[in-house]
C-alpha cells in the first residue's frame, strides 16, 4: 500500500517525461541539501547534476538562497550541454520554498519550462 507521498510522486512522474531535446529537471531536497539533475528518460541517463556540495561561496546563505544558486548552476551546466528547455519535475514536493527557489534560479539562468 502506497502512502500519500508515493502516490503524489507516481502521479507526477506519469505526466512528466524527459527527452533528449527536452530533458527532465528533477529536484531532490533533504533536510540539509538540495540536488538537481537533468535526466533523459528516453536513453535512461543523467546528463548533468548539481548539488550544494559544489557551492563553496554561498555557505552563509539560507537554504532557499542556496537552492536558488543550485538552479543557476544547473542552468549553467545545461547551457554547456546546449540544453535550453526542460521539463520541471518537482517530485513529491509541493511547489514552494526550496523547490520553487531552484525553479526560479534555473529560469534566471536561462532555462525555459
PDB file of N, CA and C in Angstrom:
ATOM      1  N   UNK A   1       0.838  -1.175   0.000  1.00  0.00           N
ATOM      2  CA  UNK A   1       0.000   0.000   0.000  1.00  0.00           C
ATOM      3  C   UNK A   1       0.887   1.244   0.000  1.00  0.00           C
ATOM      4  N   UNK A   2       0.618   2.146  -0.944  1.00  0.00           N
ATOM      5  CA  UNK A   2       1.424   3.347  -1.076  1.00  0.00           C
ATOM      6  C   UNK A   2       0.911   4.448  -0.156  1.00  0.00           C
ATOM      7  N   UNK A   3       1.843   5.201   0.385  1.00  0.00           N
ATOM      8  CA  UNK A   3       1.436   6.347   1.192  1.00  0.00           C
ATOM      9  C   UNK A   3       1.208   7.555   0.289  1.00  0.00           C
ATOM     10  N   UNK A   4       0.827   8.656   0.869  1.00  0.00           N
ATOM     11  CA  UNK A   4       0.461   9.846   0.103  1.00  0.00           C
ATOM     12  C   UNK A   4       1.616  10.373  -0.734  1.00  0.00           C
ATOM     13  N   UNK A   5       2.815  10.361  -0.181  1.00  0.00           N
ATOM     14  CA  UNK A   5       3.980  10.883  -0.899  1.00  0.00           C
ATOM     15  C   UNK A   5       4.280  10.035  -2.131  1.00  0.00           C
ATOM     16  N   UNK A   6       4.230   8.735  -1.990  1.00  0.00           N
ATOM     17  CA  UNK A   6       4.499   7.849  -3.129  1.00  0.00           C
ATOM     18  C   UNK A   6       3.445   8.009  -4.220  1.00  0.00           C
ATOM     19  N   UNK A   7       2.184   8.160  -3.820  1.00  0.00           N
ATOM     20  CA  UNK A   7       1.125   8.342  -4.810  1.00  0.00           C
ATOM     21  C   UNK A   7       1.306   9.661  -5.553  1.00  0.00           C
ATOM     22  N   UNK A   8       1.679  10.723  -4.832  1.00  0.00           N
ATOM     23  CA  UNK A   8       1.898  12.023  -5.473  1.00  0.00           C
ATOM     24  C   UNK A   8       3.058  11.940  -6.454  1.00  0.00           C
ATOM     25  N   UNK A   9       4.130  11.291  -6.058  1.00  0.00           N
ATOM     26  CA  UNK A   9       5.295  11.149  -6.937  1.00  0.00           C
ATOM     27  C   UNK A   9       4.954  10.344  -8.192  1.00  0.00           C
ATOM     28  N   UNK A  10       4.214   9.256  -8.019  1.00  0.00           N
ATOM     29  CA  UNK A  10       3.820   8.427  -9.157  1.00  0.00           C
ATOM     30  C   UNK A  10       2.934   9.208 -10.117  1.00  0.00           C
ATOM     31  N   UNK A  11       2.001   9.979  -9.589  1.00  0.00           N
ATOM     32  CA  UNK A  11       1.096  10.762 -10.425  1.00  0.00           C
ATOM     33  C   UNK A  11       1.855  11.805 -11.237  1.00  0.00           C
ATOM     34  N   UNK A  12       2.832  12.459 -10.624  1.00  0.00           N
ATOM     35  CA  UNK A  12       3.604  13.488 -11.319  1.00  0.00           C
ATOM     36  C   UNK A  12       4.532  12.857 -12.355  1.00  0.00           C
ATOM     37  N   UNK A  13       5.198  11.759 -12.009  1.00  0.00           N
ATOM     38  CA  UNK A  13       6.122  11.118 -12.942  1.00  0.00           C
ATOM     39  C   UNK A  13       5.397  10.541 -14.149  1.00  0.00           C
ATOM     40  N   UNK A  14       4.127  10.193 -14.010  1.00  0.00           N
ATOM     41  CA  UNK A  14       3.363   9.686 -15.152  1.00  0.00           C
ATOM     42  C   UNK A  14       3.142  10.784 -16.183  1.00  0.00           C
ATOM     43  N   UNK A  15       3.092  12.024 -15.740  1.00  0.00           N
ATOM     44  CA  UNK A  15       2.841  13.152 -16.633  1.00  0.00           C
ATOM     45  C   UNK A  15       4.119  13.782 -17.172  1.00  0.00           C
ATOM     46  N   UNK A  16       5.225  13.619 -16.461  1.00  0.00           N
ATOM     47  CA  UNK A  16       6.471  14.317 -16.790  1.00  0.00           C
ATOM     48  C   UNK A  16       7.483  13.321 -17.327  1.00  0.00           C
ATOM     49  N   UNK A  17       7.841  13.480 -18.603  1.00  0.00           N
ATOM     50  CA  UNK A  17       8.855  12.625 -19.227  1.00  0.00           C
ATOM     51  C   UNK A  17       9.891  13.511 -19.898  1.00  0.00           C
ATOM     52  N   UNK A  18      11.145  13.180 -19.731  1.00  0.00           N
ATOM     53  CA  UNK A  18      12.222  13.925 -20.350  1.00  0.00           C
ATOM     54  C   UNK A  18      12.673  13.263 -21.642  1.00  0.00           C
ATOM     55  N   UNK A  19      13.033  14.077 -22.619  1.00  0.00           N
ATOM     56  CA  UNK A  19      13.549  13.568 -23.886  1.00  0.00           C
ATOM     57  C   UNK A  19      14.951  14.115 -24.093  1.00  0.00           C
ATOM     58  N   UNK A  20      15.560  13.748 -25.205  1.00  0.00           N
ATOM     59  CA  UNK A  20      16.901  14.239 -25.499  1.00  0.00           C
ATOM     60  C   UNK A  20      16.883  15.741 -25.747  1.00  0.00           C
ATOM     61  N   UNK A  21      15.866  16.237 -26.457  1.00  0.00           N
ATOM     62  CA  UNK A  21      15.773  17.668 -26.737  1.00  0.00           C
ATOM     63  C   UNK A  21      15.289  18.451 -25.520  1.00  0.00           C
ATOM     64  N   UNK A  22      14.448  17.820 -24.702  1.00  0.00           N
ATOM     65  CA  UNK A  22      13.865  18.498 -23.540  1.00  0.00           C
ATOM     66  C   UNK A  22      13.958  17.574 -22.326  1.00  0.00           C
ATOM     67  N   UNK A  23      15.108  17.551 -21.646  1.00  0.00           N
ATOM     68  CA  UNK A  23      15.282  16.637 -20.515  1.00  0.00           C
ATOM     69  C   UNK A  23      14.458  17.065 -19.291  1.00  0.00           C
ATOM     70  N   UNK A  24      14.367  16.160 -18.348  1.00  0.00           N
ATOM     71  CA  UNK A  24      13.623  16.391 -17.115  1.00  0.00           C
ATOM     72  C   UNK A  24      14.561  16.977 -16.070  1.00  0.00           C
ATOM     73  N   UNK A  25      14.166  18.104 -15.479  1.00  0.00           N
ATOM     74  CA  UNK A  25      14.918  18.722 -14.385  1.00  0.00           C
ATOM     75  C   UNK A  25      14.318  18.215 -13.087  1.00  0.00           C
ATOM     76  N   UNK A  26      14.978  17.251 -12.477  1.00  0.00           N
ATOM     77  CA  UNK A  26      14.486  16.612 -11.266  1.00  0.00           C
ATOM     78  C   UNK A  26      15.127  17.269 -10.048  1.00  0.00           C
ATOM     79  N   UNK A  27      14.305  17.572  -9.050  1.00  0.00           N
ATOM     80  CA  UNK A  27      14.774  18.224  -7.827  1.00  0.00           C
ATOM     81  C   UNK A  27      14.586  17.269  -6.659  1.00  0.00           C
ATOM     82  N   UNK A  28      15.625  17.122  -5.843  1.00  0.00           N
ATOM     83  CA  UNK A  28      15.545  16.360  -4.601  1.00  0.00           C
ATOM     84  C   UNK A  28      16.030  17.261  -3.478  1.00  0.00           C
ATOM     85  N   UNK A  29      15.297  17.256  -2.391  1.00  0.00           N
ATOM     86  CA  UNK A  29      15.735  18.037  -1.245  1.00  0.00           C
ATOM     87  C   UNK A  29      15.759  17.151  -0.014  1.00  0.00           C
ATOM     88  N   UNK A  30      16.842  17.272   0.720  1.00  0.00           N
ATOM     89  CA  UNK A  30      16.929  16.610   2.016  1.00  0.00           C
ATOM     90  C   UNK A  30      16.779  17.696   3.075  1.00  0.00           C
ATOM     91  N   UNK A  31      16.965  17.344   4.315  1.00  0.00           N
ATOM     92  CA  UNK A  31      16.853  18.356   5.363  1.00  0.00           C
ATOM     93  C   UNK A  31      17.982  19.382   5.294  1.00  0.00           C
ATOM     94  N   UNK A  32      19.122  18.979   4.765  1.00  0.00           N
ATOM     95  CA  UNK A  32      20.273  19.879   4.734  1.00  0.00           C
ATOM     96  C   UNK A  32      20.605  20.414   3.347  1.00  0.00           C
ATOM     97  N   UNK A  33      20.401  19.629   2.303  1.00  0.00           N
ATOM     98  CA  UNK A  33      20.884  19.992   0.977  1.00  0.00           C
ATOM     99  C   UNK A  33      19.796  19.876  -0.091  1.00  0.00           C
ATOM    100  N   UNK A  34      20.098  20.469  -1.262  1.00  0.00           N
ATOM    101  CA  UNK A  34      19.219  20.387  -2.428  1.00  0.00           C
ATOM    102  C   UNK A  34      20.057  19.870  -3.590  1.00  0.00           C
ATOM    103  N   UNK A  35      19.470  18.985  -4.380  1.00  0.00           N
ATOM    104  CA  UNK A  35      20.143  18.402  -5.529  1.00  0.00           C
ATOM    105  C   UNK A  35      19.260  18.581  -6.755  1.00  0.00           C
ATOM    106  N   UNK A  36      19.867  18.758  -7.913  1.00  0.00           N
ATOM    107  CA  UNK A  36      19.118  18.875  -9.163  1.00  0.00           C
ATOM    108  C   UNK A  36      19.850  18.072 -10.236  1.00  0.00           C
ATOM    109  N   UNK A  37      19.067  17.422 -11.098  1.00  0.00           N
ATOM    110  CA  UNK A  37      19.630  16.617 -12.186  1.00  0.00           C
ATOM    111  C   UNK A  37      18.862  16.875 -13.464  1.00  0.00           C
ATOM    112  N   UNK A  38      19.567  16.811 -14.577  1.00  0.00           N
ATOM    113  CA  UNK A  38      18.927  16.797 -15.889  1.00  0.00           C
ATOM    114  C   UNK A  38      18.958  15.358 -16.386  1.00  0.00           C
ATOM    115  N   UNK A  39      17.777  14.797 -16.641  1.00  0.00           N
ATOM    116  CA  UNK A  39      17.657  13.375 -16.952  1.00  0.00           C
ATOM    117  C   UNK A  39      16.985  13.194 -18.310  1.00  0.00           C
ATOM    118  N   UNK A  40      17.586  12.356 -19.151  1.00  0.00           N
ATOM    119  CA  UNK A  40      16.989  11.957 -20.422  1.00  0.00           C
ATOM    120  C   UNK A  40      16.323  10.604 -20.193  1.00  0.00           C
ATOM    121  N   UNK A  41      14.991  10.597 -20.139  1.00  0.00           N
ATOM    122  CA  UNK A  41      14.265   9.360 -19.849  1.00  0.00           C
ATOM    123  C   UNK A  41      14.248   8.398 -21.029  1.00  0.00           C
ATOM    124  N   UNK A  42      14.452   8.889 -22.242  1.00  0.00           N
ATOM    125  CA  UNK A  42      14.467   8.008 -23.411  1.00  0.00           C
ATOM    126  C   UNK A  42      15.718   7.121 -23.373  1.00  0.00           C
ATOM    127  N   UNK A  43      16.868   7.733 -23.143  1.00  0.00           N
ATOM    128  CA  UNK A  43      18.129   6.980 -23.067  1.00  0.00           C
ATOM    129  C   UNK A  43      18.395   6.448 -21.668  1.00  0.00           C
ATOM    130  N   UNK A  44      17.596   6.878 -20.694  1.00  0.00           N
ATOM    131  CA  UNK A  44      17.738   6.472 -19.289  1.00  0.00           C
ATOM    132  C   UNK A  44      19.116   6.820 -18.749  1.00  0.00           C
ATOM    133  N   UNK A  45      19.500   8.096 -18.916  1.00  0.00           N
ATOM    134  CA  UNK A  45      20.782   8.529 -18.391  1.00  0.00           C
ATOM    135  C   UNK A  45      20.681   9.953 -17.862  1.00  0.00           C
ATOM    136  N   UNK A  46      21.550  10.260 -16.920  1.00  0.00           N
ATOM    137  CA  UNK A  46      21.629  11.602 -16.357  1.00  0.00           C
ATOM    138  C   UNK A  46      22.611  12.410 -17.178  1.00  0.00           C
ATOM    139  N   UNK A  47      22.167  13.566 -17.662  1.00  0.00           N
ATOM    140  CA  UNK A  47      23.038  14.419 -18.469  1.00  0.00           C
ATOM    141  C   UNK A  47      24.003  15.200 -17.597  1.00  0.00           C
ATOM    142  N   UNK A  48      23.479  15.823 -16.542  1.00  0.00           N
ATOM    143  CA  UNK A  48      24.318  16.569 -15.621  1.00  0.00           C
ATOM    144  C   UNK A  48      23.575  16.734 -14.309  1.00  0.00           C
ATOM    145  N   UNK A  49      24.306  17.088 -13.292  1.00  0.00           N
ATOM    146  CA  UNK A  49      23.708  17.279 -11.977  1.00  0.00           C
ATOM    147  C   UNK A  49      24.401  18.389 -11.222  1.00  0.00           C
ATOM    148  N   UNK A  50      23.729  18.887 -10.204  1.00  0.00           N
ATOM    149  CA  UNK A  50      24.293  19.936  -9.361  1.00  0.00           C
ATOM    150  C   UNK A  50      23.830  19.699  -7.932  1.00  0.00           C
ATOM    151  N   UNK A  51      24.714  19.994  -6.999  1.00  0.00           N
ATOM    152  CA  UNK A  51      24.356  19.841  -5.592  1.00  0.00           C
ATOM    153  C   UNK A  51      24.986  20.963  -4.782  1.00  0.00           C
ATOM    154  N   UNK A  52      24.502  21.113  -3.571  1.00  0.00           N
ATOM    155  CA  UNK A  52      25.025  22.173  -2.708  1.00  0.00           C
ATOM    156  C   UNK A  52      26.471  21.928  -2.315  1.00  0.00           C
ATOM    157  N   UNK A  53      26.939  20.704  -2.394  1.00  0.00           N
ATOM    158  CA  UNK A  53      28.318  20.433  -2.031  1.00  0.00           C
ATOM    159  C   UNK A  53      29.293  21.083  -3.010  1.00  0.00           C
ATOM    160  N   UNK A  54      28.812  21.430  -4.223  1.00  0.00           N
ATOM    161  CA  UNK A  54      29.650  22.120  -5.202  1.00  0.00           C
ATOM    162  C   UNK A  54      29.761  23.607  -4.903  1.00  0.00           C
ATOM    163  N   UNK A  55      28.845  24.126  -4.109  1.00  0.00           N
ATOM    164  CA  UNK A  55      28.842  25.552  -3.789  1.00  0.00           C
ATOM    165  C   UNK A  55      29.688  25.798  -2.549  1.00  0.00           C
ATOM    166  N   UNK A  56      30.686  26.618  -2.691  1.00  0.00           N
ATOM    167  CA  UNK A  56      31.534  26.951  -1.550  1.00  0.00           C
ATOM    168  C   UNK A  56      31.309  28.393  -1.090  1.00  0.00           C
ATOM    169  N   UNK A  57      30.994  29.273  -2.041  1.00  0.00           N
ATOM    170  CA  UNK A  57      30.933  30.699  -1.732  1.00  0.00           C
ATOM    171  C   UNK A  57      29.660  31.102  -0.998  1.00  0.00           C
ATOM    172  N   UNK A  58      28.593  30.350  -1.124  1.00  0.00           N
ATOM    173  CA  UNK A  58      27.318  30.768  -0.541  1.00  0.00           C
ATOM    174  C   UNK A  58      26.951  29.950   0.693  1.00  0.00           C
ATOM    175  N   UNK A  59      27.939  29.529   1.452  1.00  0.00           N
ATOM    176  CA  UNK A  59      27.665  28.758   2.656  1.00  0.00           C
ATOM    177  C   UNK A  59      26.933  29.583   3.702  1.00  0.00           C
ATOM    178  N   UNK A  60      27.070  30.889   3.662  1.00  0.00           N
ATOM    179  CA  UNK A  60      26.427  31.753   4.645  1.00  0.00           C
ATOM    180  C   UNK A  60      24.957  31.991   4.326  1.00  0.00           C
ATOM    181  N   UNK A  61      24.522  31.711   3.094  1.00  0.00           N
ATOM    182  CA  UNK A  61      23.145  31.969   2.691  1.00  0.00           C
ATOM    183  C   UNK A  61      22.199  30.970   3.357  1.00  0.00           C
ATOM    184  N   UNK A  62      20.923  31.330   3.414  1.00  0.00           N
ATOM    185  CA  UNK A  62      19.939  30.403   3.969  1.00  0.00           C
ATOM    186  C   UNK A  62      19.638  29.301   2.960  1.00  0.00           C
ATOM    187  N   UNK A  63      18.792  28.354   3.330  1.00  0.00           N
ATOM    188  CA  UNK A  63      18.533  27.201   2.475  1.00  0.00           C
ATOM    189  C   UNK A  63      17.915  27.605   1.137  1.00  0.00           C
ATOM    190  N   UNK A  64      16.986  28.547   1.158  1.00  0.00           N
ATOM    191  CA  UNK A  64      16.358  28.987  -0.090  1.00  0.00           C
ATOM    192  C   UNK A  64      17.354  29.713  -0.982  1.00  0.00           C
ATOM    193  N   UNK A  65      18.244  30.485  -0.398  1.00  0.00           N
ATOM    194  CA  UNK A  65      19.275  31.170  -1.174  1.00  0.00           C
ATOM    195  C   UNK A  65      20.219  30.193  -1.840  1.00  0.00           C
ATOM    196  N   UNK A  66      20.608  29.152  -1.108  1.00  0.00           N
ATOM    197  CA  UNK A  66      21.472  28.124  -1.690  1.00  0.00           C
ATOM    198  C   UNK A  66      20.733  27.354  -2.780  1.00  0.00           C
ATOM    199  N   UNK A  67      19.433  27.124  -2.593  1.00  0.00           N
ATOM    200  CA  UNK A  67      18.647  26.413  -3.608  1.00  0.00           C
ATOM    201  C   UNK A  67      18.582  27.221  -4.897  1.00  0.00           C
ATOM    202  N   UNK A  68      18.467  28.533  -4.785  1.00  0.00           N
ATOM    203  CA  UNK A  68      18.445  29.377  -5.978  1.00  0.00           C
ATOM    204  C   UNK A  68      19.786  29.306  -6.707  1.00  0.00           C
ATOM    205  N   UNK A  69      20.869  29.252  -5.961  1.00  0.00           N
ATOM    206  CA  UNK A  69      22.194  29.108  -6.562  1.00  0.00           C
ATOM    207  C   UNK A  69      22.329  27.762  -7.278  1.00  0.00           C
ATOM    208  N   UNK A  70      21.694  26.719  -6.751  1.00  0.00           N
ATOM    209  CA  UNK A  70      21.697  25.417  -7.426  1.00  0.00           C
ATOM    210  C   UNK A  70      20.982  25.524  -8.769  1.00  0.00           C
ATOM    211  N   UNK A  71      19.873  26.268  -8.795  1.00  0.00           N
ATOM    212  CA  UNK A  71      19.159  26.488 -10.050  1.00  0.00           C
ATOM    213  C   UNK A  71      20.010  27.205 -11.071  1.00  0.00           C
ATOM    214  N   UNK A  72      20.735  28.215 -10.628  1.00  0.00           N
ATOM    215  CA  UNK A  72      21.639  28.933 -11.537  1.00  0.00           C
ATOM    216  C   UNK A  72      22.752  28.021 -12.039  1.00  0.00           C
ATOM    217  N   UNK A  73      23.280  27.191 -11.134  1.00  0.00           N
ATOM    218  CA  UNK A  73      24.374  26.281 -11.500  1.00  0.00           C
ATOM    219  C   UNK A  73      23.908  25.224 -12.500  1.00  0.00           C
ATOM    220  N   UNK A  74      22.722  24.656 -12.294  1.00  0.00           N
ATOM    221  CA  UNK A  74      22.232  23.637 -13.230  1.00  0.00           C
ATOM    222  C   UNK A  74      21.919  24.259 -14.584  1.00  0.00           C
ATOM    223  N   UNK A  75      21.479  25.523 -14.598  1.00  0.00           N
ATOM    224  CA  UNK A  75      21.228  26.210 -15.867  1.00  0.00           C
ATOM    225  C   UNK A  75      22.535  26.444 -16.618  1.00  0.00           C
ATOM    226  N   UNK A  76      23.578  26.771 -15.882  1.00  0.00           N
ATOM    227  CA  UNK A  76      24.897  26.985 -16.499  1.00  0.00           C
ATOM    228  C   UNK A  76      25.432  25.679 -17.087  1.00  0.00           C
ATOM    229  N   UNK A  77      25.266  24.585 -16.355  1.00  0.00           N
ATOM    230  CA  UNK A  77      25.715  23.281 -16.847  1.00  0.00           C
ATOM    231  C   UNK A  77      24.881  22.825 -18.037  1.00  0.00           C
ATOM    232  N   UNK A  78      23.590  23.150 -18.024  1.00  0.00           N
ATOM    233  CA  UNK A  78      22.721  22.791 -19.140  1.00  0.00           C
ATOM    234  C   UNK A  78      23.110  23.565 -20.392  1.00  0.00           C
ATOM    235  N   UNK A  79      23.468  24.833 -20.232  1.00  0.00           N
ATOM    236  CA  UNK A  79      23.889  25.639 -21.372  1.00  0.00           C
ATOM    237  C   UNK A  79      25.168  25.062 -21.989  1.00  0.00           C
ATOM    238  N   UNK A  80      26.042  24.523 -21.151  1.00  0.00           N
ATOM    239  CA  UNK A  80      27.264  23.899 -21.667  1.00  0.00           C
ATOM    240  C   UNK A  80      26.936  22.650 -22.488  1.00  0.00           C
ATOM    241  N   UNK A  81      25.833  21.976 -22.160  1.00  0.00           N
ATOM    242  CA  UNK A  81      25.392  20.797 -22.919  1.00  0.00           C
ATOM    243  C   UNK A  81      24.433  21.174 -24.044  1.00  0.00           C
ATOM    244  N   UNK A  82      24.230  22.482 -24.265  1.00  0.00           N
ATOM    245  CA  UNK A  82      23.353  23.018 -25.315  1.00  0.00           C
ATOM    246  C   UNK A  82      21.893  22.635 -25.092  1.00  0.00           C
ATOM    247  N   UNK A  83      21.462  22.662 -23.839  1.00  0.00           N
ATOM    248  CA  UNK A  83      20.073  22.414 -23.469  1.00  0.00           C
ATOM    249  C   UNK A  83      19.457  23.744 -23.058  1.00  0.00           C
ATOM    250  N   UNK A  84      18.343  24.113 -23.702  1.00  0.00           N
ATOM    251  CA  UNK A  84      17.698  25.390 -23.372  1.00  0.00           C
ATOM    252  C   UNK A  84      16.317  25.212 -22.753  1.00  0.00           C
ATOM    253  N   UNK A  85      15.635  24.119 -23.058  1.00  0.00           N
ATOM    254  CA  UNK A  85      14.306  23.888 -22.493  1.00  0.00           C
ATOM    255  C   UNK A  85      14.295  22.574 -21.729  1.00  0.00           C
ATOM    256  N   UNK A  86      13.570  22.552 -20.628  1.00  0.00           N
ATOM    257  CA  UNK A  86      13.476  21.363 -19.786  1.00  0.00           C
ATOM    258  C   UNK A  86      12.027  21.173 -19.335  1.00  0.00           C
ATOM    259  N   UNK A  87      11.771  20.010 -18.773  1.00  0.00           N
ATOM    260  CA  UNK A  87      10.505  19.716 -18.117  1.00  0.00           C
ATOM    261  C   UNK A  87      10.807  19.674 -16.623  1.00  0.00           C
ATOM    262  N   UNK A  88      10.100  20.465 -15.838  1.00  0.00           N
ATOM    263  CA  UNK A  88      10.387  20.552 -14.402  1.00  0.00           C
ATOM    264  C   UNK A  88       9.676  19.431 -13.658  1.00  0.00           C
ATOM    265  N   UNK A  89      10.444  18.680 -12.872  1.00  0.00           N
ATOM    266  CA  UNK A  89       9.912  17.578 -12.072  1.00  0.00           C
ATOM    267  C   UNK A  89      10.140  17.910 -10.600  1.00  0.00           C
ATOM    268  N   UNK A  90       9.076  18.267  -9.913  1.00  0.00           N
ATOM    269  CA  UNK A  90       9.196  18.630  -8.507  1.00  0.00           C
ATOM    270  C   UNK A  90       9.157  17.422  -7.598  1.00  0.00           C
ATOM    271  N   UNK A  91       8.964  16.244  -8.171  1.00  0.00           N
ATOM    272  CA  UNK A  91       8.897  15.027  -7.371  1.00  0.00           C
ATOM    273  C   UNK A  91       7.642  15.025  -6.528  1.00  0.00           C
ATOM    274  N   UNK A  92       7.755  14.619  -5.284  1.00  0.00           N
ATOM    275  CA  UNK A  92       6.605  14.585  -4.388  1.00  0.00           C
ATOM    276  C   UNK A  92       6.487  15.867  -3.576  1.00  0.00           C
ATOM    277  N   UNK A  93       7.331  16.854  -3.874  1.00  0.00           N
ATOM    278  CA  UNK A  93       7.347  18.088  -3.089  1.00  0.00           C
ATOM    279  C   UNK A  93       6.358  19.098  -3.645  1.00  0.00           C
ATOM    280  N   UNK A  94       5.813  19.908  -2.771  1.00  0.00           N
ATOM    281  CA  UNK A  94       4.953  20.995  -3.205  1.00  0.00           C
ATOM    282  C   UNK A  94       5.816  22.092  -3.799  1.00  0.00           C
ATOM    283  N   UNK A  95       5.237  22.868  -4.708  1.00  0.00           N
ATOM    284  CA  UNK A  95       5.988  23.911  -5.404  1.00  0.00           C
ATOM    285  C   UNK A  95       6.026  25.181  -4.546  1.00  0.00           C
ATOM    286  N   UNK A  96       6.896  25.190  -3.563  1.00  0.00           N
ATOM    287  CA  UNK A  96       7.147  26.374  -2.751  1.00  0.00           C
ATOM    288  C   UNK A  96       8.462  26.163  -2.018  1.00  0.00           C
ATOM    289  N   UNK A  97       8.957  27.209  -1.430  1.00  0.00           N
ATOM    290  CA  UNK A  97      10.195  27.102  -0.664  1.00  0.00           C
ATOM    291  C   UNK A  97      11.396  26.819  -1.530  1.00  0.00           C
ATOM    292  N   UNK A  98      12.161  25.808  -1.137  1.00  0.00           N
ATOM    293  CA  UNK A  98      13.406  25.491  -1.829  1.00  0.00           C
ATOM    294  C   UNK A  98      13.184  24.961  -3.240  1.00  0.00           C
ATOM    295  N   UNK A  99      12.116  24.214  -3.456  1.00  0.00           N
ATOM    296  CA  UNK A  99      11.828  23.688  -4.795  1.00  0.00           C
ATOM    297  C   UNK A  99      11.520  24.846  -5.741  1.00  0.00           C
ATOM    298  N   UNK A 100      10.739  25.802  -5.284  1.00  0.00           N
ATOM    299  CA  UNK A 100      10.422  26.985  -6.085  1.00  0.00           C
ATOM    300  C   UNK A 100      11.678  27.814  -6.329  1.00  0.00           C
ATOM    301  N   UNK A 101      12.559  27.893  -5.341  1.00  0.00           N
ATOM    302  CA  UNK A 101      13.798  28.655  -5.495  1.00  0.00           C
ATOM    303  C   UNK A 101      14.701  28.043  -6.558  1.00  0.00           C
ATOM    304  N   UNK A 102      14.759  26.717  -6.630  1.00  0.00           N
ATOM    305  CA  UNK A 102      15.544  26.053  -7.682  1.00  0.00           C
ATOM    306  C   UNK A 102      14.973  26.411  -9.048  1.00  0.00           C
ATOM    307  N   UNK A 103      13.651  26.366  -9.169  1.00  0.00           N
ATOM    308  CA  UNK A 103      12.996  26.683 -10.442  1.00  0.00           C
ATOM    309  C   UNK A 103      13.259  28.130 -10.848  1.00  0.00           C
ATOM    310  N   UNK A 104      13.155  29.060  -9.906  1.00  0.00           N
ATOM    311  CA  UNK A 104      13.398  30.469 -10.210  1.00  0.00           C
ATOM    312  C   UNK A 104      14.853  30.706 -10.613  1.00  0.00           C
ATOM    313  N   UNK A 105      15.788  30.033  -9.924  1.00  0.00           N
ATOM    314  CA  UNK A 105      17.193  30.161 -10.281  1.00  0.00           C
ATOM    315  C   UNK A 105      17.487  29.602 -11.661  1.00  0.00           C
ATOM    316  N   UNK A 106      16.856  28.490 -12.004  1.00  0.00           N
ATOM    317  CA  UNK A 106      17.055  27.896 -13.328  1.00  0.00           C
ATOM    318  C   UNK A 106      16.493  28.806 -14.413  1.00  0.00           C
ATOM    319  N   UNK A 107      15.350  29.434 -14.138  1.00  0.00           N
ATOM    320  CA  UNK A 107      14.777  30.370 -15.115  1.00  0.00           C
ATOM    321  C   UNK A 107      15.674  31.587 -15.279  1.00  0.00           C
ATOM    322  N   UNK A 108      16.218  32.102 -14.183  1.00  0.00           N
ATOM    323  CA  UNK A 108      17.134  33.239 -14.272  1.00  0.00           C
ATOM    324  C   UNK A 108      18.389  32.861 -15.046  1.00  0.00           C
ATOM    325  N   UNK A 109      18.811  31.608 -14.934  1.00  0.00           N
ATOM    326  CA  UNK A 109      19.991  31.122 -15.630  1.00  0.00           C
ATOM    327  C   UNK A 109      19.776  30.908 -17.119  1.00  0.00           C
ATOM    328  N   UNK A 110      18.509  30.944 -17.564  1.00  0.00           N
ATOM    329  CA  UNK A 110      18.261  30.815 -18.996  1.00  0.00           C
ATOM    330  C   UNK A 110      17.467  29.598 -19.420  1.00  0.00           C
ATOM    331  N   UNK A 111      17.121  28.721 -18.497  1.00  0.00           N
ATOM    332  CA  UNK A 111      16.325  27.552 -18.863  1.00  0.00           C
ATOM    333  C   UNK A 111      14.860  27.945 -19.017  1.00  0.00           C
ATOM    334  N   UNK A 112      14.200  27.308 -19.967  1.00  0.00           N
ATOM    335  CA  UNK A 112      12.775  27.583 -20.207  1.00  0.00           C
ATOM    336  C   UNK A 112      11.984  26.322 -19.866  1.00  0.00           C
ATOM    337  N   UNK A 113      10.923  26.527 -19.074  1.00  0.00           N
ATOM    338  CA  UNK A 113       9.982  25.434 -18.777  1.00  0.00           C
ATOM    339  C   UNK A 113       8.685  26.010 -18.287  1.00  0.00           C
TER     340      UNK A 113
END
